[in-house]
Protein backbone atom coordinates (compact mmCIF):
# COMPACT_ATOMS: atom_id res chain seq x y z
CA MET A 1 -103.70 -3.26 -1.00
CA ARG A 2 -101.82 -0.59 -2.73
CA LYS A 3 -101.27 1.22 0.56
CA LYS A 4 -99.85 -1.94 2.16
CA ASP A 5 -97.54 -2.51 -0.78
CA LEU A 6 -96.32 1.05 -0.53
CA MET A 7 -95.50 0.66 3.18
CA LEU A 8 -93.55 -2.56 2.56
CA THR A 9 -91.56 -0.88 -0.19
CA VAL A 10 -90.64 2.05 2.10
CA LEU A 11 -89.67 -0.30 4.94
CA PHE A 12 -87.46 -2.36 2.62
CA ALA A 13 -85.73 0.79 1.39
CA LEU A 14 -85.07 1.96 4.94
CA LEU A 15 -83.57 -1.42 5.90
CA LEU A 16 -81.41 -1.36 2.79
CA VAL A 17 -80.07 2.13 3.54
CA GLY A 18 -79.46 1.28 7.19
CA GLY A 19 -77.58 -1.89 6.29
CA CYS A 20 -75.26 0.03 3.95
CA LYS A 21 -74.45 2.52 6.70
CA ASN A 22 -73.57 -0.22 9.18
CA ASN A 23 -71.07 -1.86 6.70
CA ASP A 24 -69.37 1.39 5.65
CA THR A 25 -66.06 0.75 7.65
CA PRO A 26 -63.49 3.60 7.29
CA VAL A 27 -60.27 2.62 5.34
CA THR A 28 -57.11 3.45 7.32
CA PRO A 29 -54.12 4.28 5.04
CA ASP A 30 -50.83 2.43 5.56
CA PRO A 31 -48.48 4.30 7.91
CA PRO A 32 -45.57 6.04 6.18
CA SER A 33 -42.36 3.98 6.01
CA ASP A 34 -39.71 4.99 8.54
CA ALA A 35 -36.91 4.04 6.13
CA GLU A 36 -34.72 6.62 4.42
CA LEU A 37 -32.25 5.94 1.60
CA ILE A 38 -29.07 8.05 1.70
CA ILE A 39 -26.24 7.71 -0.85
CA SER A 40 -22.66 8.95 -0.50
CA LYS A 41 -22.48 10.54 -3.96
CA THR A 42 -24.83 11.32 -6.83
CA SER A 43 -22.30 11.25 -9.67
CA VAL A 44 -19.50 8.90 -10.73
CA ASN A 45 -16.81 9.61 -13.33
CA LEU A 46 -14.95 6.62 -14.76
CA GLY A 47 -11.90 6.93 -16.96
CA PRO A 48 -8.10 6.58 -17.07
CA GLY A 49 -6.75 5.84 -13.61
CA LYS A 50 -10.25 5.17 -12.23
CA VAL A 51 -11.98 2.19 -13.78
CA TYR A 52 -14.39 1.68 -10.89
CA ASP A 53 -15.94 3.64 -8.05
CA VAL A 54 -17.93 2.90 -4.91
CA VAL A 55 -21.18 4.47 -3.73
CA THR A 56 -22.32 3.80 -0.17
CA LEU A 57 -26.05 3.17 0.37
CA ARG A 58 -27.29 3.85 3.89
CA ASN A 59 -30.63 3.44 5.66
CA ASP A 60 -31.09 6.37 8.03
CA GLY A 61 -34.49 5.12 9.18
CA GLU A 62 -35.70 2.60 11.76
CA ASP A 63 -37.56 0.26 9.38
CA ASN A 64 -35.93 -2.13 6.94
CA LEU A 65 -35.21 -0.56 3.56
CA SER A 66 -35.67 -2.48 0.32
CA TRP A 67 -33.96 -1.04 -2.75
CA SER A 68 -33.50 -2.11 -6.34
CA VAL A 69 -31.94 -0.76 -9.53
CA THR A 70 -34.72 -0.06 -12.02
CA SER A 71 -32.60 1.17 -14.93
CA LYS A 72 -28.97 1.70 -15.93
CA PRO A 73 -26.88 2.05 -19.10
CA GLU A 74 -26.00 -1.24 -20.80
CA TRP A 75 -22.27 -0.65 -20.31
CA VAL A 76 -22.52 -0.10 -16.54
CA LYS A 77 -21.63 -3.04 -14.27
CA LEU A 78 -22.88 -3.12 -10.67
CA SER A 79 -21.85 -5.35 -7.78
CA GLN A 80 -25.55 -5.97 -7.02
CA LEU A 81 -28.96 -4.92 -8.31
CA ALA A 82 -31.10 -5.14 -5.17
CA SER A 83 -30.84 -5.65 -1.43
CA VAL A 84 -32.42 -5.01 1.96
CA LEU A 85 -30.81 -2.73 4.54
CA ALA A 86 -31.67 -3.09 8.20
CA ASN A 87 -32.29 0.01 10.27
CA ARG A 88 -29.17 2.17 10.32
CA GLY A 89 -27.47 -0.35 8.02
CA TRP A 90 -25.24 0.38 5.01
CA GLU A 91 -23.49 -1.37 2.14
CA ARG A 92 -21.20 -0.68 -0.82
CA LEU A 93 -22.35 -0.53 -4.41
CA GLU A 94 -19.38 -0.97 -6.75
CA ILE A 95 -19.75 0.69 -10.14
CA SER A 96 -17.59 -0.25 -13.12
CA PHE A 97 -18.04 -0.77 -16.85
CA ASP A 98 -18.12 -3.65 -19.30
CA ARG A 99 -15.27 -3.25 -21.79
CA SER A 100 -16.88 -5.79 -24.10
CA VAL A 101 -19.89 -3.60 -24.95
CA VAL A 102 -18.28 -0.17 -25.46
CA ALA A 103 -15.80 1.12 -27.99
CA HIS A 104 -13.25 3.81 -27.13
CA GLY A 105 -14.94 7.14 -26.58
CA GLU A 106 -17.02 9.12 -24.09
CA TYR A 107 -20.34 7.94 -22.62
CA SER A 108 -22.86 9.11 -20.03
CA GLY A 109 -25.99 7.72 -18.41
CA THR A 110 -28.01 7.37 -15.23
CA ILE A 111 -28.44 4.63 -12.64
CA SER A 112 -31.95 4.80 -11.13
CA ILE A 113 -32.66 3.24 -7.74
CA GLU A 114 -36.10 2.90 -6.18
CA SER A 115 -36.80 2.04 -2.54
CA ASN A 116 -39.39 2.29 0.19
CA GLY A 117 -37.22 5.04 1.65
CA GLY A 118 -37.10 7.25 -1.42
CA ASP A 119 -35.72 7.12 -4.97
CA VAL A 120 -32.32 8.31 -6.15
CA ASP A 121 -30.41 8.76 -9.42
CA ILE A 122 -26.65 8.41 -9.91
CA ALA A 123 -25.15 10.12 -12.98
CA VAL A 124 -22.34 8.10 -14.60
CA THR A 125 -19.79 9.24 -17.17
CA LEU A 126 -17.11 7.15 -18.89
CA ASN A 127 -14.04 8.22 -20.83
CA ASN A 128 -12.94 4.91 -22.38
CA GLN A 129 -9.42 5.10 -23.84
CA PRO A 130 -6.78 2.57 -25.01
CA ALA A 131 -4.02 1.53 -22.59
CA GLU A 132 -1.04 3.92 -22.38
CA LEU A 133 2.02 3.28 -20.17
CA ASP A 134 3.74 6.17 -18.37
CA VAL A 135 6.11 6.58 -15.39
CA ASN A 136 6.62 9.25 -12.73
CA GLN A 137 10.30 9.77 -13.61
CA GLU A 138 12.50 8.74 -16.52
CA ILE A 139 15.84 8.94 -14.66
CA LEU A 140 16.63 7.35 -11.28
CA TYR A 141 19.77 8.45 -9.38
CA PHE A 142 21.54 6.25 -6.81
CA ASP A 143 24.54 6.59 -4.50
CA ARG A 144 25.52 5.27 -1.07
CA ASN A 145 23.22 7.83 0.57
CA GLY A 146 20.22 6.69 -1.45
CA LEU A 147 19.98 3.15 -2.75
CA VAL A 148 16.18 2.83 -3.19
CA GLU A 149 13.92 4.81 -5.52
CA ASP A 150 10.20 4.43 -6.20
CA LEU A 151 9.18 4.08 -9.84
CA ILE A 152 5.42 4.61 -10.28
CA LEU A 153 3.73 3.13 -13.34
CA TYR A 154 0.61 4.80 -14.71
CA ASN A 155 -2.01 3.64 -17.18
CA HIS A 156 -3.41 6.70 -18.95
CA GLY A 157 -6.08 4.54 -20.57
CA THR A 158 -9.00 2.43 -19.35
CA ASP A 159 -8.08 -0.78 -21.18
CA SER A 160 -6.13 -3.19 -18.96
CA LEU A 161 -2.41 -2.64 -19.41
CA ARG A 162 -0.14 -5.69 -19.33
CA TYR A 163 3.52 -4.85 -18.74
CA GLU A 164 6.80 -6.74 -18.38
CA ILE A 165 10.23 -5.61 -17.21
CA THR A 166 12.35 -7.15 -19.96
CA SER A 167 15.84 -5.87 -19.10
CA MET A 168 17.81 -3.95 -16.48
CA PRO A 169 21.44 -3.69 -15.28
CA ASP A 170 22.84 -6.47 -13.09
CA TRP A 171 23.24 -4.03 -10.19
CA ILE A 172 19.54 -3.13 -10.18
CA VAL A 173 17.00 -5.25 -8.29
CA ILE A 174 13.21 -4.83 -8.39
CA PRO A 175 11.58 -7.18 -5.82
CA GLY A 176 8.40 -8.96 -6.90
CA ASP A 177 7.12 -10.14 -10.24
CA SER A 178 8.52 -8.67 -13.44
CA VAL A 179 5.09 -9.02 -15.09
CA GLY A 180 1.92 -7.19 -14.06
CA ILE A 181 -1.53 -5.95 -15.05
CA LEU A 182 -2.08 -2.24 -14.51
CA ASP A 183 -5.46 -0.55 -14.06
CA GLU A 184 -4.45 1.77 -11.23
CA PRO A 185 -0.98 3.24 -10.49
CA ASP A 186 1.55 0.65 -9.33
CA THR A 187 4.76 1.40 -7.39
CA LEU A 188 7.97 -0.52 -8.09
CA HIS A 189 10.71 -0.30 -5.43
CA VAL A 190 13.93 -0.09 -7.44
CA GLU A 191 17.09 -0.99 -5.49
CA ALA A 192 20.75 -0.46 -6.43
CA ARG A 193 23.11 -3.17 -5.14
CA PRO A 194 26.64 -2.20 -6.21
CA TRP A 195 28.65 -4.18 -3.64
CA GLY A 196 31.40 -6.15 -5.30
CA MET A 197 31.62 -3.71 -8.20
CA ASP A 198 34.58 -1.46 -8.92
CA TYR A 199 34.22 2.08 -7.64
CA GLY A 200 33.04 4.53 -10.27
CA ASP A 201 30.02 5.92 -12.08
CA TYR A 202 27.54 3.70 -13.92
CA THR A 203 24.50 4.17 -16.12
CA GLY A 204 21.99 1.70 -17.52
CA VAL A 205 18.41 1.30 -18.69
CA ILE A 206 15.35 -0.44 -17.30
CA LEU A 207 13.13 -1.44 -20.24
CA ILE A 208 9.41 -1.91 -19.59
CA GLU A 209 7.33 -3.27 -22.46
CA SER A 210 3.52 -3.23 -22.56
CA ASN A 211 0.45 -3.29 -24.80
CA GLY A 212 0.26 0.46 -24.12
CA GLY A 213 3.75 1.27 -25.41
CA ASN A 214 7.27 0.78 -24.08
CA VAL A 215 9.19 2.95 -21.60
CA ASP A 216 12.96 3.30 -21.04
CA VAL A 217 14.00 4.40 -17.55
CA THR A 218 17.63 5.51 -17.19
CA VAL A 219 19.39 4.51 -13.95
CA SER A 220 22.51 6.35 -12.80
CA LEU A 221 24.83 5.20 -10.00
CA SER A 222 27.79 6.87 -8.31
CA PHE A 223 29.61 4.24 -6.24
CA GLN A 224 32.55 5.41 -4.14
CA ARG A 225 34.16 4.32 -0.88
CA GLU A 226 33.29 6.73 1.93
CA VAL A 227 33.68 7.15 5.68
CA GLU A 228 30.32 6.08 7.09
CA VAL A 229 31.05 4.47 10.48
CA PHE A 230 30.96 6.74 13.54
CA SER A 231 31.40 5.50 17.12
CA GLY A 232 28.17 5.49 19.12
CA GLU A 233 26.20 7.20 16.35
CA GLU A 234 25.98 5.61 12.92
CA ALA A 235 27.09 2.71 10.72
CA ALA A 236 26.52 2.35 6.98
CA HIS A 237 23.98 5.21 6.96
CA VAL A 238 21.93 3.63 9.75
CA MET A 239 21.72 5.95 12.73
CA ILE A 240 21.39 4.39 16.16
CA GLY A 241 17.74 5.05 16.97
CA ASP A 242 16.53 4.80 13.36
CA ILE A 243 13.24 2.93 13.16
CA TYR A 244 12.74 -0.23 11.11
CA GLN A 245 10.86 1.62 8.38
CA GLU A 246 13.75 4.06 7.89
CA VAL A 247 16.14 1.16 7.32
CA LEU A 248 13.75 -0.30 4.73
CA ASP A 249 13.47 3.07 3.02
CA HIS A 250 17.24 3.26 2.64
CA TYR A 251 18.21 -0.31 1.74
CA GLY A 252 14.98 -1.97 0.63
CA GLN A 253 13.87 -5.48 1.55
CA HIS A 254 16.31 -7.57 3.62
CA ASP A 255 17.08 -11.27 3.15
CA LEU A 256 18.08 -12.14 6.74
CA ARG A 257 15.83 -12.11 9.78
CA SER A 258 15.72 -13.62 13.28
CA TYR A 259 14.20 -13.12 16.71
CA THR A 260 15.84 -14.17 19.97
CA ILE A 261 14.57 -13.84 23.52
CA ASN A 262 16.42 -14.24 26.81
CA ASP A 263 15.80 -17.08 29.26
CA SER A 264 13.59 -14.95 31.51
CA LEU A 265 11.37 -14.02 28.54
CA GLU A 266 11.70 -10.38 29.58
CA ALA A 267 13.49 -9.03 26.52
CA GLY A 268 13.87 -9.94 22.88
CA ILE A 269 15.91 -8.81 19.89
CA HIS A 270 14.86 -8.66 16.24
CA MET A 271 17.68 -8.84 13.70
CA ILE A 272 17.37 -7.95 10.04
CA GLY A 273 20.27 -8.33 7.65
CA TYR A 274 21.45 -7.61 4.12
CA SER A 275 23.86 -10.35 3.08
CA TRP A 276 24.99 -8.53 -0.05
CA ILE A 277 26.13 -5.60 2.11
CA GLY A 278 27.32 -7.43 5.23
CA LEU A 279 24.94 -5.31 7.33
CA LYS A 280 22.87 -6.42 10.33
CA VAL A 281 20.58 -4.13 12.35
CA PHE A 282 19.16 -5.02 15.77
CA PHE A 283 15.86 -3.89 17.29
CA PRO A 284 15.01 -4.62 20.96
CA SER A 285 11.35 -5.56 21.39
CA ARG A 286 9.20 -7.90 23.48
CA GLN A 287 6.79 -8.24 20.56
CA LEU A 288 7.09 -11.19 18.20
CA VAL A 289 6.22 -8.86 15.31
CA LEU A 290 8.77 -6.23 14.28
CA TYR A 291 6.67 -3.11 13.81
CA PRO A 292 7.79 -0.26 11.49
CA ASN A 293 8.24 2.23 14.35
CA VAL A 294 10.62 0.13 16.51
CA PRO A 295 14.05 1.88 16.87
CA CYS A 296 17.36 0.03 16.47
CA ASP A 297 20.00 -0.01 19.21
CA GLN A 298 23.04 -1.51 17.44
CA VAL A 299 24.51 -2.30 14.03
CA THR A 300 27.14 -4.83 12.92
CA LEU A 301 29.19 -4.86 9.74
CA GLU A 302 31.06 -7.77 8.16
CA VAL A 303 32.48 -8.70 4.75
CA PRO A 304 31.54 -7.69 2.04
CA TYR A 305 30.89 -4.31 3.66
CA ASP A 306 33.41 -1.84 2.23
CA GLY A 307 32.69 1.48 3.98
CA LEU A 308 35.40 3.28 5.94
CA ILE A 309 35.80 3.88 9.64
CA ASP A 310 38.36 6.61 9.08
CA ASN A 311 40.70 7.96 6.48
CA VAL A 312 44.12 8.88 7.90
CA GLY A 313 46.17 10.48 5.15
CA ASP A 314 46.40 7.93 2.37
CA VAL A 315 45.50 5.02 4.69
CA GLU A 316 41.89 3.85 4.44
CA ILE A 317 40.67 2.25 7.66
CA GLY A 318 37.92 -0.36 7.35
CA LEU A 319 37.31 -4.09 7.24
CA GLY A 320 40.59 -5.79 6.33
CA SER A 321 42.73 -3.20 8.13
CA THR A 322 45.29 -4.51 10.62
CA ARG A 323 44.93 -4.21 14.37
CA ASP A 324 47.91 -1.84 14.46
CA GLU A 325 46.13 0.48 12.02
CA ILE A 326 42.98 0.45 14.18
CA VAL A 327 44.91 1.08 17.40
CA ALA A 328 46.75 3.95 15.74
CA VAL A 329 43.37 5.68 15.27
CA PHE A 330 41.38 4.54 18.31
CA GLY A 331 44.06 3.62 20.83
CA GLU A 332 43.98 0.47 22.95
CA PRO A 333 40.51 -0.90 23.75
CA ASP A 334 38.82 -0.10 27.06
CA SER A 335 37.87 -3.76 27.57
CA VAL A 336 37.87 -7.16 25.89
CA ASP A 337 34.78 -9.38 25.69
CA GLY A 338 35.69 -12.76 24.21
CA ASP A 339 37.15 -12.05 20.77
CA GLU A 340 35.73 -8.52 20.70
CA GLU A 341 37.77 -5.43 21.64
CA VAL A 342 35.38 -2.85 23.07
CA TYR A 343 35.66 0.94 23.23
CA ASP A 344 33.50 2.97 25.60
CA THR A 345 32.68 5.41 22.79
CA GLY A 346 30.25 2.85 21.34
CA ILE A 347 32.31 0.80 18.90
CA ALA A 348 33.87 -2.66 19.05
CA PHE A 349 36.19 -4.60 16.70
CA THR A 350 36.72 -8.28 16.04
CA TYR A 351 39.86 -9.53 14.29
CA GLY A 352 40.69 -12.61 12.28
CA SER A 353 44.32 -13.33 11.41
CA ASP A 354 45.16 -9.81 12.69
CA GLN A 355 42.75 -8.21 10.22
CA LEU A 356 39.54 -6.42 11.12
CA SER A 357 36.64 -8.80 10.31
CA LYS A 358 33.68 -7.30 12.18
CA ILE A 359 32.52 -3.91 13.46
CA ARG A 360 29.77 -3.30 16.02
CA VAL A 361 28.33 0.16 16.77
CA TRP A 362 25.86 1.15 19.52
CA GLU A 363 24.99 4.18 21.62
CA PRO A 364 27.00 4.00 24.87
């Protein structure tokens, strides 16, 4: 009996061991992720003139990449905290700071990002300073050769700077709003418009007030009557062949504009004009949009334009001169087209009550 019991016990043990071996299935580890997190920079410095920055996150792998921000300083603001990037995908992470939780001073910290394609850290520093207004130049000079100057406003702090142009001379124009909020440098296009003024030298002040201090910018103008019309070449400092952008650089934004096209739809003409000068510039183009690089082919001048065509002794020749005075300089016209007397040198004159009322210049 004891022998039989012993045999049963051994048999049961063998079955038990055999059953364990049959159920011992090998565990296969998960395959490594084929996602790879790449960032465009590992450090960001915020401060005056740079109140935010952008880091590009890119997945250089074939699998989808899941990422999330696991820690960051309290004062750091992010455009998002987590996302999924498809294979070879990318996105922007905007980094800024919360002005409401930091006093003025210097701070540093780390943004930690974890993903299935690797972990990364981005070091962040902040130099938080009060708003401070500054400009690129404190004196702007103008004359007939240069009637537009760029005034660049800077905020040397990180607080938002609110400014207002509170006064300027009547002959100065700054297109756009006179009030602005400045975090990054802002460019004001300052234009001098002296037409209708007496000839002479002028000075004045542009006053800009802000919560970061006030700035006075002196403006100086020399306004004289000059010879600036040349047959077939130039009129009012616009050379035949100058591109649209060059005209804008010299005179600033225009207030007149039109586009005409001939009956066959084969050619069109853009016109831009400055009514306060009496200047119109024409640009041939088949495009409905006048692009900056399109050259002009003719210029017309009318009242109140005051530049000279010539200066013979003490006689100034320009708009308002008599026909006899014009003929004394240019001779009789080569042809007449309607009310326009045309010269083959690339200039034409129109008269009203025997006085010169319009000039047209082109390249013959």
